[in-house]
Amino acid sequence: MLKRPFTAHPASVGETYGEHFATAGFFARQLFLAAAACAVHALFPFLFEKTASGIIRALHERMVTSRHKPPAGAGAAPQRA
């Protein structure tokens, strides 16, 4: 019963819990870097002019555009976070 909350969403996007953990961790690190670049850019507008937007663009490509679809019947339809 307790296992389902940890496996339902990963299965819906065609991943195991461990794969989803690694992917979500990668996205968290990238978003942290983008946020740090924005903070520095706010103080020094001549630094990191395109860094955050480049990171966001790459993450969008990885998450939305190039997403591998789970096999039919592999779980519920993916939900947007």
C-alpha atoms as a PDB file:
ATOM      1  CA  MET A   1       0.000   0.000   0.000  1.00  0.00           C
ATOM      2  CA  LEU A   2       2.762   2.465   0.891  1.00  0.00           C
ATOM      3  CA  LYS A   3       4.818   1.544  -2.185  1.00  0.00           C
ATOM      4  CA  ARG A   4       2.224   2.806  -4.709  1.00  0.00           C
ATOM      5  CA  PRO A   5       2.673   6.552  -4.012  1.00  0.00           C
ATOM      6  CA  PHE A   6       6.396   6.118  -4.700  1.00  0.00           C
ATOM      7  CA  THR A   7       5.975   4.133  -7.919  1.00  0.00           C
ATOM      8  CA  ALA A   8       2.745   5.323  -9.596  1.00  0.00           C
ATOM      9  CA  HIS A   9       4.045   8.560 -11.120  1.00  0.00           C
ATOM     10  CA  PRO A  10       7.464   7.175 -12.137  1.00  0.00           C
ATOM     11  CA  ALA A  11       5.688   4.288 -13.886  1.00  0.00           C
ATOM     12  CA  SER A  12       3.368   6.732 -15.648  1.00  0.00           C
ATOM     13  CA  VAL A  13       6.388   8.367 -17.306  1.00  0.00           C
ATOM     14  CA  GLY A  14       8.103   5.048 -18.068  1.00  0.00           C
ATOM     15  CA  GLU A  15      10.690   5.122 -15.273  1.00  0.00           C
ATOM     16  CA  THR A  16      11.529   3.146 -12.170  1.00  0.00           C
ATOM     17  CA  TYR A  17      11.634   4.943  -8.823  1.00  0.00           C
ATOM     18  CA  GLY A  18      15.447   5.100  -9.009  1.00  0.00           C
ATOM     19  CA  GLU A  19      15.462   6.438 -12.575  1.00  0.00           C
ATOM     20  CA  HIS A  20      12.880   9.058 -11.656  1.00  0.00           C
ATOM     21  CA  PHE A  21      14.865  10.031  -8.554  1.00  0.00           C
ATOM     22  CA  ALA A  22      18.005  10.537 -10.673  1.00  0.00           C
ATOM     23  CA  THR A  23      16.163  12.477 -13.377  1.00  0.00           C
ATOM     24  CA  ALA A  24      14.350  14.716 -10.897  1.00  0.00           C
ATOM     25  CA  GLY A  25      17.634  15.307  -9.057  1.00  0.00           C
ATOM     26  CA  PHE A  26      19.306  16.322 -12.326  1.00  0.00           C
ATOM     27  CA  PHE A  27      16.482  18.783 -13.045  1.00  0.00           C
ATOM     28  CA  ALA A  28      16.704  20.189  -9.506  1.00  0.00           C
ATOM     29  CA  ARG A  29      20.451  20.797  -9.877  1.00  0.00           C
ATOM     30  CA  GLN A  30      20.007  22.449 -13.268  1.00  0.00           C
ATOM     31  CA  LEU A  31      17.215  24.678 -11.965  1.00  0.00           C
ATOM     32  CA  PHE A  32      19.349  25.642  -8.963  1.00  0.00           C
ATOM     33  CA  LEU A  33      22.151  26.665 -11.346  1.00  0.00           C
ATOM     34  CA  ALA A  34      19.686  28.665 -13.454  1.00  0.00           C
ATOM     35  CA  ALA A  35      18.373  30.414 -10.326  1.00  0.00           C
ATOM     36  CA  ALA A  36      21.916  31.216  -9.180  1.00  0.00           C
ATOM     37  CA  ALA A  37      22.753  32.621 -12.616  1.00  0.00           C
ATOM     38  CA  CYS A  38      19.620  34.799 -12.450  1.00  0.00           C
ATOM     39  CA  ALA A  39      20.533  36.082  -8.993  1.00  0.00           C
ATOM     40  CA  VAL A  40      24.049  37.016 -10.110  1.00  0.00           C
ATOM     41  CA  HIS A  41      22.660  38.544 -13.316  1.00  0.00           C
ATOM     42  CA  ALA A  42      20.259  40.691 -11.256  1.00  0.00           C
ATOM     43  CA  LEU A  43      23.217  42.281  -9.481  1.00  0.00           C
ATOM     44  CA  PHE A  44      25.594  42.302 -12.447  1.00  0.00           C
ATOM     45  CA  PRO A  45      23.533  42.547 -15.656  1.00  0.00           C
ATOM     46  CA  PHE A  46      26.615  42.025 -17.830  1.00  0.00           C
ATOM     47  CA  LEU A  47      27.155  38.508 -16.413  1.00  0.00           C
ATOM     48  CA  PHE A  48      25.219  35.353 -17.325  1.00  0.00           C
ATOM     49  CA  GLU A  49      23.079  37.154 -19.907  1.00  0.00           C
ATOM     50  CA  LYS A  50      21.824  33.956 -21.532  1.00  0.00           C
ATOM     51  CA  THR A  51      22.790  31.249 -19.041  1.00  0.00           C
ATOM     52  CA  ALA A  52      19.435  30.702 -17.323  1.00  0.00           C
ATOM     53  CA  SER A  53      17.428  30.826 -20.544  1.00  0.00           C
ATOM     54  CA  GLY A  54      19.814  28.302 -22.114  1.00  0.00           C
ATOM     55  CA  ILE A  55      19.402  25.937 -19.164  1.00  0.00           C
ATOM     56  CA  ILE A  56      15.607  26.275 -19.268  1.00  0.00           C
ATOM     57  CA  ARG A  57      15.588  25.683 -23.029  1.00  0.00           C
ATOM     58  CA  ALA A  58      17.708  22.523 -22.631  1.00  0.00           C
ATOM     59  CA  LEU A  59      15.487  21.237 -19.813  1.00  0.00           C
ATOM     60  CA  HIS A  60      12.371  21.836 -21.888  1.00  0.00           C
ATOM     61  CA  GLU A  61      13.942  19.935 -24.781  1.00  0.00           C
ATOM     62  CA  ARG A  62      14.776  17.029 -22.505  1.00  0.00           C
ATOM     63  CA  MET A  63      11.486  16.936 -20.592  1.00  0.00           C
ATOM     64  CA  VAL A  64       8.889  17.809 -23.234  1.00  0.00           C
ATOM     65  CA  THR A  65      10.231  17.671 -26.766  1.00  0.00           C
ATOM     66  CA  SER A  66      12.413  14.566 -26.530  1.00  0.00           C
ATOM     67  CA  ARG A  67      10.436  12.654 -23.903  1.00  0.00           C
ATOM     68  CA  HIS A  68      10.325   8.914 -24.372  1.00  0.00           C
ATOM     69  CA  LYS A  69       6.751   7.748 -24.238  1.00  0.00           C
ATOM     70  CA  PRO A  70       6.030   4.801 -21.910  1.00  0.00           C
ATOM     71  CA  PRO A  71       4.729   1.650 -23.566  1.00  0.00           C
ATOM     72  CA  ALA A  72       0.937   1.464 -23.965  1.00  0.00           C
ATOM     73  CA  GLY A  73      -0.698   0.267 -20.779  1.00  0.00           C
ATOM     74  CA  ALA A  74       2.401   1.100 -18.686  1.00  0.00           C
ATOM     75  CA  GLY A  75       0.449   3.355 -16.377  1.00  0.00           C
ATOM     76  CA  ALA A  76      -1.717   6.413 -16.228  1.00  0.00           C
ATOM     77  CA  ALA A  77      -1.263   9.353 -18.579  1.00  0.00           C
ATOM     78  CA  PRO A  78       1.676  11.589 -17.600  1.00  0.00           C
ATOM     79  CA  GLN A  79       0.818  14.508 -15.366  1.00  0.00           C
ATOM     80  CA  ARG A  80       2.467  17.892 -15.598  1.00  0.00           C
ATOM     81  CA  ALA A  81       4.302  19.065 -12.531  1.00  0.00           C
END
